[in-house]
Each structure stands twice: as C-alpha cells, then as structure tokens.
Amino acid sequence: MMSDNSTPSAAVQLCYENVTGSCVKTPYSPGPRLILYALFGFGALLALFGNLLVMIAILHFKQLHSPAHFLIASLACADFLVGATVMPFSMVRSVESCWYFGRSFCTFHTCCDAAFCYSSLFHLCFISIDRYIAVTDPLAYPIKFTVSVSAICIGISWTLPVAYSGAMFYTGASDNGLEELSSALNCIGGCQTVINQNWVLIDFLSFFIPTVVIIILYSNIFLVARQQAKKIESTGGQTESSSDTYKSRVAKRERKAAKTLSITVIAFMISWLPYIIDSLIDAFMGFITPAYVYEICCWFAYYNSAVNPLIYALFYPWFRKAMKVILSGRVFKAGSATLNLFSEQM
C-alpha cells in the first residue's frame, strides 16, 4: 500500500541483520523518533483509557442503561480495541519502518484495523437511525427503539465488519492479481497491505453508502428540529397542553443529543476520508503513495478513536460527572450506580 522513496545510503540498515530478504530500515534520528513515539503513544493511551471510561460509565450507572447509550458503549469498545490491538504495533512500524511481530500477526493486525474501522462506521449509522426516530417521533421512540433492537444493531455492527475483513485478508482475495507486487513489498520485517482495484471499490462503497445514509438522516434531523423550534416559538404565547409541553421537552433533549453525536460523525469522516481517498489513488495509479504520506493518513484515522471520548467530555455533562465519580474512586461506594447524572448537583 506504500512505497519507500528513500535514497540509499552508504551504510544500509536492515530490519533483520544477516537475514536474506530483510527489508531496508529507514529509522528517524533520535529527536524526531522520541517526538513521534510520544505523539503516537499519547493517542493510543487516550484511545484506551478514554474509551474505557465511556464503557465503565455506561455499564455502571443505571441511569445510562438505554438503547442509545448501549450503542455508544459498543462504539467505544471498537475504539478501545483500536487503541489496544492496532495503534501500539502501528506505532513501532511507523517510527522504526520495520514490522517485528511476525507475518501471522501482521495479517491479524490488518484484519483488526479494517474490522474496527467498519464497526465504528456501522455503529455511527445505527446511532443516526436511533437519533432520527428520537427526534422525529419522540413519544413513540421508546417503543420503536428498544434494548432488543439496540442489541440487534450492535450484533450487526460487529458481525458484518469482522466477517468482511476476515474474508478479505485471510483468504488472500485482497491481493488477487497483485501477488508479485505483494511479495516484493512484503520482505522480512514488512507489513504492507496491497489491495486490488475490486476490493478497493468494495471498500469505498462500504464506506460511502453508510456515510450517505448518515448525512441524509442528520440533515432530516436538523430540518425537523428547525420546524419544531419554529412551532414552539409560534405557540410561545399560547397555553400548551401537558402532553405538548412534555413532547417539546423531549424533542429539545433529543435535538441536543443529535447535535452532539453529529460532531462525532463529522470527526469520523474527516479522520477517515484521507485514508479512503489515498487507497483509491494507490489502487488505480500503481501504488505511488510515499511511505510517509501513507503513515500520516493511517494515524489521522487512528486518532479518531482517541477523539470520541474528548467529544463526550466536552459536550456531555453526564459523562463529565460520571468521569469524576470513576476517577475519584466513588464508583466503588454502595449506591454509586444509582447516582443522578443529569441533575445539577450530585
């Protein structure tokens, strides 16, 4: 998926000295190497601990046991696994320009990379459906989007991406017709993915179709939200029935939740779009992307897993309160699970 355009030096370094077929090593000097390890390591730790906090908060506090929050917890699990199984090993590959973890783990790592990316996208798609129902029909929402429906959505969001990435990388279908190039790129100490044009197109459509669905649903959500706001303004001087007052309160709360989650969606698209575009360019223009450009695109995408908990911390008061309880150790006290996270005072 990437090519090494470095100029050969007099003393060529190899990933594995005295091993025939070893990849050439092009490490950074000590200063930049330290900076990159700090930058990538910080992203991995943020993805791990930030998403772990989200999962603990939603699973521990009973007030957060809702279909929408279970979807968010499952999304956090996908991001957590990116921080645990993908980012640390990619960090070594990116900085050292060598893969030291074996060919089998390279395939597993690549498979996890693709699976968790698409799992995140599927979760975001189902979350947009959940928000659409919540905003457009707030009174019927508890009946339409139940915990059982949420569980089915979570099951699909995990099963399809894992099956898809497994079929692509473990069957060898992804590099059909590119065996010679794949063999040349994957010397000993290399872990570079070569994907043929057919699979790149499938990849693109798998990203593009859910993205279009998400954009359409959120566009409709904000149109409905505007109409609801105008209706509330127009009836401001009139006496509303208790059911209308309740409906407007629910609609306002759901609109606010939809706005926050739309920021998560935008962050995901901005993070992953460079990588998707780079994959298309590579497949159809003979894998011309320089190594450093490919690595930048990868890490731009990986960092999305670290960004989501920051978005929740900035825009969800309940998450900030839950985080204080967890980090202070009060989570271990009896009755902490029933704390009111939506009140002004705890």
Protein backbone atom coordinates (compact mmCIF):
# COMPACT_ATOMS: atom_id res chain seq x y z
CA MET A 1 0.00 0.00 0.00
CA MET A 2 3.00 2.27 0.26
CA SER A 3 6.34 2.62 -1.43
CA ASP A 4 9.68 3.59 0.05
CA ASN A 5 11.22 6.51 -1.87
CA SER A 6 14.22 6.97 0.40
CA THR A 7 17.68 7.42 -1.10
CA PRO A 8 20.03 4.51 -0.38
CA SER A 9 22.84 5.48 1.97
CA ALA A 10 26.36 4.16 2.10
CA ALA A 11 25.63 2.05 5.20
CA VAL A 12 22.29 0.36 4.53
CA GLN A 13 20.45 -0.69 7.68
CA LEU A 14 18.24 -3.77 7.65
CA CYS A 15 15.30 -4.70 9.83
CA TYR A 16 16.96 -8.07 10.45
CA GLU A 17 20.74 -8.01 10.08
CA ASN A 18 22.29 -11.05 8.36
CA VAL A 19 18.85 -12.29 7.19
CA THR A 20 18.39 -12.78 3.47
CA GLY A 21 15.34 -10.92 2.16
CA SER A 22 15.18 -8.47 5.05
CA CYS A 23 13.53 -5.09 4.50
CA VAL A 24 15.67 -1.97 4.45
CA LYS A 25 15.34 0.04 7.66
CA THR A 26 14.98 3.81 7.40
CA PRO A 27 14.65 4.95 11.04
CA TYR A 28 14.25 8.52 12.20
CA SER A 29 17.03 10.30 14.11
CA PRO A 30 16.69 10.24 17.94
CA GLY A 31 14.90 13.62 18.27
CA PRO A 32 12.06 13.06 15.76
CA ARG A 33 11.81 9.42 16.90
CA LEU A 34 11.15 10.49 20.50
CA ILE A 35 8.55 13.05 19.38
CA LEU A 36 6.73 10.50 17.20
CA TYR A 37 6.69 7.87 19.95
CA ALA A 38 5.27 10.48 22.34
CA LEU A 39 2.62 11.61 19.83
CA PHE A 40 1.52 8.11 18.79
CA GLY A 41 1.79 6.73 22.34
CA PHE A 42 -0.39 9.54 23.69
CA GLY A 43 -3.03 8.74 21.03
CA ALA A 44 -3.00 5.05 21.94
CA LEU A 45 -3.31 5.76 25.69
CA LEU A 46 -6.12 8.26 25.11
CA ALA A 47 -7.98 5.73 22.95
CA LEU A 48 -7.51 3.04 25.62
CA PHE A 49 -8.35 4.92 28.80
CA GLY A 50 -10.81 7.43 27.32
CA ASN A 51 -12.99 4.74 25.77
CA LEU A 52 -12.61 2.53 28.83
CA LEU A 53 -14.10 5.38 30.90
CA VAL A 54 -17.03 5.66 28.46
CA MET A 55 -17.74 1.92 28.70
CA ILE A 56 -17.46 1.84 32.51
CA ALA A 57 -19.72 4.89 32.84
CA ILE A 58 -22.49 3.49 30.64
CA LEU A 59 -22.35 -0.04 32.04
CA HIS A 60 -22.08 1.02 35.70
CA PHE A 61 -24.61 3.85 36.04
CA LYS A 62 -28.18 2.59 35.76
CA GLN A 63 -29.40 5.96 34.52
CA LEU A 64 -27.35 5.39 31.34
CA HIS A 65 -28.86 1.96 30.62
CA SER A 66 -30.72 2.96 27.46
CA PRO A 67 -30.64 1.71 23.83
CA ALA A 68 -28.82 4.86 22.63
CA HIS A 69 -26.16 4.69 25.35
CA PHE A 70 -25.57 0.96 24.75
CA LEU A 71 -24.77 1.82 21.11
CA ILE A 72 -22.32 4.49 22.30
CA ALA A 73 -20.70 1.96 24.69
CA SER A 74 -20.30 -0.53 21.85
CA LEU A 75 -18.78 2.19 19.65
CA ALA A 76 -16.37 2.99 22.50
CA CYS A 77 -15.46 -0.72 22.62
CA ALA A 78 -14.47 -0.64 18.92
CA ASP A 79 -12.35 2.47 19.54
CA PHE A 80 -10.84 0.87 22.66
CA LEU A 81 -9.79 -2.18 20.61
CA VAL A 82 -8.13 0.10 18.04
CA GLY A 83 -6.07 1.53 20.91
CA ALA A 84 -5.26 -1.96 22.24
CA THR A 85 -4.64 -4.09 19.13
CA VAL A 86 -3.81 -1.65 16.32
CA MET A 87 -2.18 1.59 17.45
CA PRO A 88 0.72 0.26 19.62
CA PHE A 89 2.02 -2.04 16.85
CA SER A 90 1.44 0.52 14.11
CA MET A 91 3.43 2.97 16.24
CA VAL A 92 6.52 0.73 16.12
CA ARG A 93 6.04 0.11 12.39
CA SER A 94 5.68 3.84 11.66
CA VAL A 95 8.69 5.00 13.71
CA GLU A 96 11.09 2.10 13.10
CA SER A 97 9.94 1.45 9.49
CA CYS A 98 10.02 -2.29 10.33
CA TRP A 99 7.50 -4.90 11.45
CA TYR A 100 8.92 -7.06 14.27
CA PHE A 101 5.79 -9.02 15.23
CA GLY A 102 5.68 -11.79 12.63
CA ARG A 103 3.74 -12.43 9.44
CA SER A 104 0.74 -14.06 11.12
CA PHE A 105 0.24 -11.17 13.50
CA CYS A 106 0.60 -8.77 10.56
CA THR A 107 -2.47 -10.35 8.95
CA PHE A 108 -4.36 -10.29 12.25
CA HIS A 109 -3.37 -6.65 12.84
CA THR A 110 -4.53 -5.64 9.34
CA CYS A 111 -7.78 -7.56 9.81
CA CYS A 112 -8.44 -5.82 13.16
CA ASP A 113 -7.64 -2.44 11.60
CA ALA A 114 -10.30 -2.88 8.89
CA ALA A 115 -12.87 -4.62 11.13
CA PHE A 116 -12.86 -1.98 13.87
CA CYS A 117 -12.98 0.87 11.33
CA TYR A 118 -16.11 -0.51 9.68
CA SER A 119 -17.56 -1.48 13.04
CA SER A 120 -17.29 2.19 14.10
CA LEU A 121 -18.97 3.31 10.87
CA PHE A 122 -21.83 0.81 11.27
CA HIS A 123 -22.33 1.93 14.88
CA LEU A 124 -22.49 5.57 13.77
CA CYS A 125 -25.02 4.61 11.09
CA PHE A 126 -27.29 2.88 13.62
CA ILE A 127 -26.83 5.77 16.07
CA SER A 128 -28.05 8.16 13.35
CA ILE A 129 -31.14 5.95 12.83
CA ASP A 130 -31.73 5.98 16.60
CA ARG A 131 -31.44 9.79 16.74
CA TYR A 132 -33.71 10.19 13.69
CA ILE A 133 -36.51 8.21 15.37
CA ALA A 134 -35.93 10.01 18.68
CA VAL A 135 -36.25 13.48 17.12
CA THR A 136 -38.98 12.83 14.54
CA ASP A 137 -41.22 10.72 16.80
CA PRO A 138 -40.09 11.29 20.42
CA LEU A 139 -43.23 9.88 22.06
CA ALA A 140 -43.13 6.59 20.11
CA TYR A 141 -39.32 6.30 20.29
CA PRO A 142 -39.22 4.15 23.49
CA ILE A 143 -41.47 1.59 21.78
CA LYS A 144 -39.72 1.62 18.39
CA PHE A 145 -36.07 1.58 19.52
CA THR A 146 -35.90 -0.85 22.44
CA VAL A 147 -32.90 -2.50 24.12
CA SER A 148 -33.55 -5.61 21.95
CA VAL A 149 -33.40 -3.50 18.77
CA SER A 150 -30.21 -1.87 20.05
CA ALA A 151 -28.70 -5.35 20.69
CA ILE A 152 -29.51 -6.42 17.11
CA CYS A 153 -27.85 -3.24 15.76
CA ILE A 154 -24.76 -3.90 17.90
CA GLY A 155 -24.63 -7.52 16.70
CA ILE A 156 -24.75 -6.43 13.04
CA SER A 157 -22.15 -3.70 13.67
CA TRP A 158 -19.67 -6.34 14.88
CA THR A 159 -20.54 -9.43 12.82
CA LEU A 160 -20.52 -7.93 9.31
CA PRO A 161 -17.21 -5.97 9.61
CA VAL A 162 -15.38 -8.92 11.21
CA ALA A 163 -16.68 -11.35 8.55
CA TYR A 164 -15.86 -8.89 5.75
CA SER A 165 -12.29 -8.12 6.90
CA GLY A 166 -11.65 -11.82 7.58
CA ALA A 167 -12.81 -12.74 4.08
CA MET A 168 -10.65 -10.01 2.55
CA PHE A 169 -7.36 -10.68 4.34
CA TYR A 170 -7.42 -14.34 5.44
CA THR A 171 -8.49 -15.74 2.06
CA GLY A 172 -5.87 -13.74 0.14
CA ALA A 173 -8.63 -12.29 -2.06
CA SER A 174 -7.46 -8.71 -1.46
CA ASP A 175 -4.25 -9.10 -3.49
CA ASN A 176 -5.51 -11.35 -6.32
CA GLY A 177 -3.63 -10.30 -9.45
CA LEU A 178 -1.04 -8.40 -7.39
CA GLU A 179 0.90 -11.37 -5.98
CA GLU A 180 4.25 -10.26 -7.41
CA LEU A 181 3.90 -6.72 -6.04
CA SER A 182 2.74 -8.05 -2.67
CA SER A 183 5.72 -10.41 -2.50
CA ALA A 184 8.14 -7.62 -3.43
CA LEU A 185 6.75 -5.18 -0.84
CA ASN A 186 6.43 -7.69 1.99
CA CYS A 187 10.05 -8.52 2.62
CA ILE A 188 11.07 -9.88 6.04
CA GLY A 189 10.26 -7.14 8.51
CA GLY A 190 7.50 -5.60 6.40
CA CYS A 191 3.73 -5.44 6.93
CA GLN A 192 2.28 -3.61 3.95
CA THR A 193 -1.21 -4.24 2.61
CA VAL A 194 -1.80 -4.46 -1.10
CA ILE A 195 -5.46 -4.33 -2.14
CA ASN A 196 -6.59 -4.82 -5.72
CA GLN A 197 -8.98 -2.50 -7.52
CA ASN A 198 -12.09 -4.66 -6.99
CA TRP A 199 -11.68 -4.79 -3.22
CA VAL A 200 -10.78 -1.10 -3.04
CA LEU A 201 -14.06 -0.28 -4.80
CA ILE A 202 -15.96 -2.54 -2.37
CA ASP A 203 -14.10 -0.79 0.47
CA PHE A 204 -15.07 2.60 -0.89
CA LEU A 205 -18.74 1.64 -1.30
CA SER A 206 -18.77 0.12 2.21
CA PHE A 207 -17.61 3.49 3.49
CA PHE A 208 -19.61 5.68 1.10
CA ILE A 209 -23.09 4.10 1.41
CA PRO A 210 -23.37 4.24 5.26
CA THR A 211 -21.88 7.75 5.13
CA VAL A 212 -24.60 8.92 2.70
CA VAL A 213 -27.26 7.33 4.93
CA ILE A 214 -25.83 9.16 7.95
CA ILE A 215 -25.71 12.52 6.12
CA ILE A 216 -29.31 12.16 4.87
CA LEU A 217 -30.62 11.20 8.33
CA TYR A 218 -28.82 14.01 10.17
CA SER A 219 -29.94 16.53 7.50
CA ASN A 220 -33.54 15.44 8.10
CA ILE A 221 -32.99 15.58 11.87
CA PHE A 222 -31.91 19.22 11.70
CA LEU A 223 -34.77 20.12 9.32
CA VAL A 224 -37.28 18.57 11.74
CA ALA A 225 -35.53 20.26 14.68
CA ARG A 226 -35.89 23.64 12.97
CA GLN A 227 -39.58 23.04 12.29
CA GLN A 228 -40.11 22.00 15.91
CA ALA A 229 -38.29 25.11 17.17
CA LYS A 230 -40.45 27.37 14.96
CA LYS A 231 -43.60 25.62 16.16
CA ILE A 232 -42.59 26.12 19.81
CA GLU A 233 -41.86 29.84 19.12
CA SER A 234 -45.21 30.33 17.38
CA THR A 235 -47.10 28.79 20.31
CA GLY A 236 -45.00 30.63 22.89
CA GLY A 237 -47.78 32.97 23.90
CA GLN A 238 -50.47 30.28 23.89
CA THR A 239 -51.33 27.80 26.59
CA GLU A 240 -49.96 24.37 25.75
CA SER A 241 -51.43 21.10 26.94
CA SER A 242 -49.33 18.98 29.30
CA SER A 243 -48.70 16.42 26.53
CA ASP A 244 -47.48 19.15 24.15
CA THR A 245 -45.21 20.56 26.87
CA TYR A 246 -43.76 17.10 27.56
CA LYS A 247 -43.31 16.45 23.83
CA SER A 248 -41.47 19.75 23.33
CA ARG A 249 -39.20 18.98 26.32
CA VAL A 250 -38.37 15.51 24.96
CA ALA A 251 -37.83 16.88 21.45
CA LYS A 252 -35.45 19.56 22.78
CA ARG A 253 -33.40 16.98 24.70
CA GLU A 254 -33.19 14.66 21.67
CA ARG A 255 -32.19 17.52 19.35
CA LYS A 256 -29.32 18.39 21.68
CA ALA A 257 -28.17 14.75 21.75
CA ALA A 258 -28.36 14.60 17.93
CA LYS A 259 -26.20 17.73 17.59
CA THR A 260 -23.51 16.27 19.84
CA LEU A 261 -23.49 12.93 18.01
CA SER A 262 -23.33 14.70 14.64
CA ILE A 263 -19.98 16.17 15.79
CA THR A 264 -18.77 12.59 16.39
CA VAL A 265 -19.86 11.65 12.86
CA ILE A 266 -18.12 14.68 11.30
CA ALA A 267 -14.92 13.86 13.23
CA PHE A 268 -15.06 10.26 11.93
CA MET A 269 -15.49 11.35 8.30
CA ILE A 270 -12.72 13.96 8.45
CA SER A 271 -10.38 11.40 10.05
CA TRP A 272 -11.02 8.54 7.63
CA LEU A 273 -11.57 10.39 4.33
CA PRO A 274 -7.83 10.97 3.59
CA TYR A 275 -7.12 7.23 4.05
CA ILE A 276 -10.06 6.19 1.82
CA ILE A 277 -9.01 8.65 -0.92
CA ASP A 278 -5.38 7.52 -0.65
CA SER A 279 -6.48 3.86 -1.04
CA LEU A 280 -8.36 4.70 -4.24
CA ILE A 281 -5.42 6.66 -5.67
CA ASP A 282 -2.98 3.86 -4.80
CA ALA A 283 -5.07 1.07 -6.34
CA PHE A 284 -5.72 2.86 -9.62
CA MET A 285 -2.36 4.63 -10.05
CA GLY A 286 0.08 1.83 -9.29
CA PHE A 287 0.71 2.33 -5.53
CA ILE A 288 2.55 5.63 -5.89
CA THR A 289 1.92 6.94 -2.36
CA PRO A 290 5.17 7.66 -0.46
CA ALA A 291 5.56 5.84 2.86
CA TYR A 292 5.29 8.97 4.99
CA VAL A 293 2.02 10.07 3.29
CA TYR A 294 0.50 6.63 3.91
CA GLU A 295 1.55 6.74 7.58
CA ILE A 296 0.05 10.23 8.03
CA CYS A 297 -3.27 9.03 6.56
CA CYS A 298 -3.23 5.96 8.83
CA TRP A 299 -2.56 7.93 12.00
CA PHE A 300 -5.10 10.59 11.08
CA ALA A 301 -7.64 7.74 11.00
CA TYR A 302 -6.35 6.05 14.17
CA TYR A 303 -6.59 9.27 16.14
CA ASN A 304 -10.35 9.28 15.59
CA SER A 305 -10.56 6.54 18.23
CA ALA A 306 -8.93 8.91 20.72
CA VAL A 307 -11.07 11.92 19.76
CA ASN A 308 -14.52 10.49 20.59
CA PRO A 309 -14.07 10.44 24.41
CA LEU A 310 -12.87 14.08 24.22
CA ILE A 311 -16.07 14.99 22.33
CA TYR A 312 -18.18 13.31 25.02
CA ALA A 313 -16.22 15.10 27.76
CA LEU A 314 -16.74 18.48 26.06
CA PHE A 315 -20.43 18.14 25.20
CA TYR A 316 -21.96 15.60 27.64
CA PRO A 317 -22.33 16.85 31.24
CA TRP A 318 -23.35 13.32 32.30
CA PHE A 319 -20.01 11.95 31.06
CA ARG A 320 -18.03 14.60 32.94
CA LYS A 321 -19.92 13.76 36.14
CA ALA A 322 -19.51 10.02 35.62
CA MET A 323 -15.79 10.54 34.98
CA LYS A 324 -15.38 12.43 38.28
CA VAL A 325 -17.10 9.62 40.18
CA ILE A 326 -14.98 6.92 38.49
CA LEU A 327 -11.61 8.70 38.79
CA SER A 328 -12.22 9.74 42.42
CA GLY A 329 -12.93 6.14 43.42
CA ARG A 330 -16.53 6.89 44.48
CA VAL A 331 -17.62 4.35 41.87
CA PHE A 332 -16.75 1.61 44.42
CA LYS A 333 -19.12 3.01 47.06
CA ALA A 334 -22.51 1.37 47.62
CA GLY A 335 -25.28 3.10 45.72
CA SER A 336 -22.99 4.80 43.19
CA ALA A 337 -24.75 3.01 40.34
CA THR A 338 -27.98 4.87 41.11
CA LEU A 339 -26.49 8.39 41.18
CA ASN A 340 -28.40 11.03 39.19
CA LEU A 341 -26.00 12.13 36.46
CA PHE A 342 -28.48 14.52 34.86
CA SER A 343 -29.11 16.72 37.91
CA GLU A 344 -27.25 19.97 38.55
CA GLN A 345 -25.95 18.71 41.88
CA MET A 346 -24.74 15.17 42.61
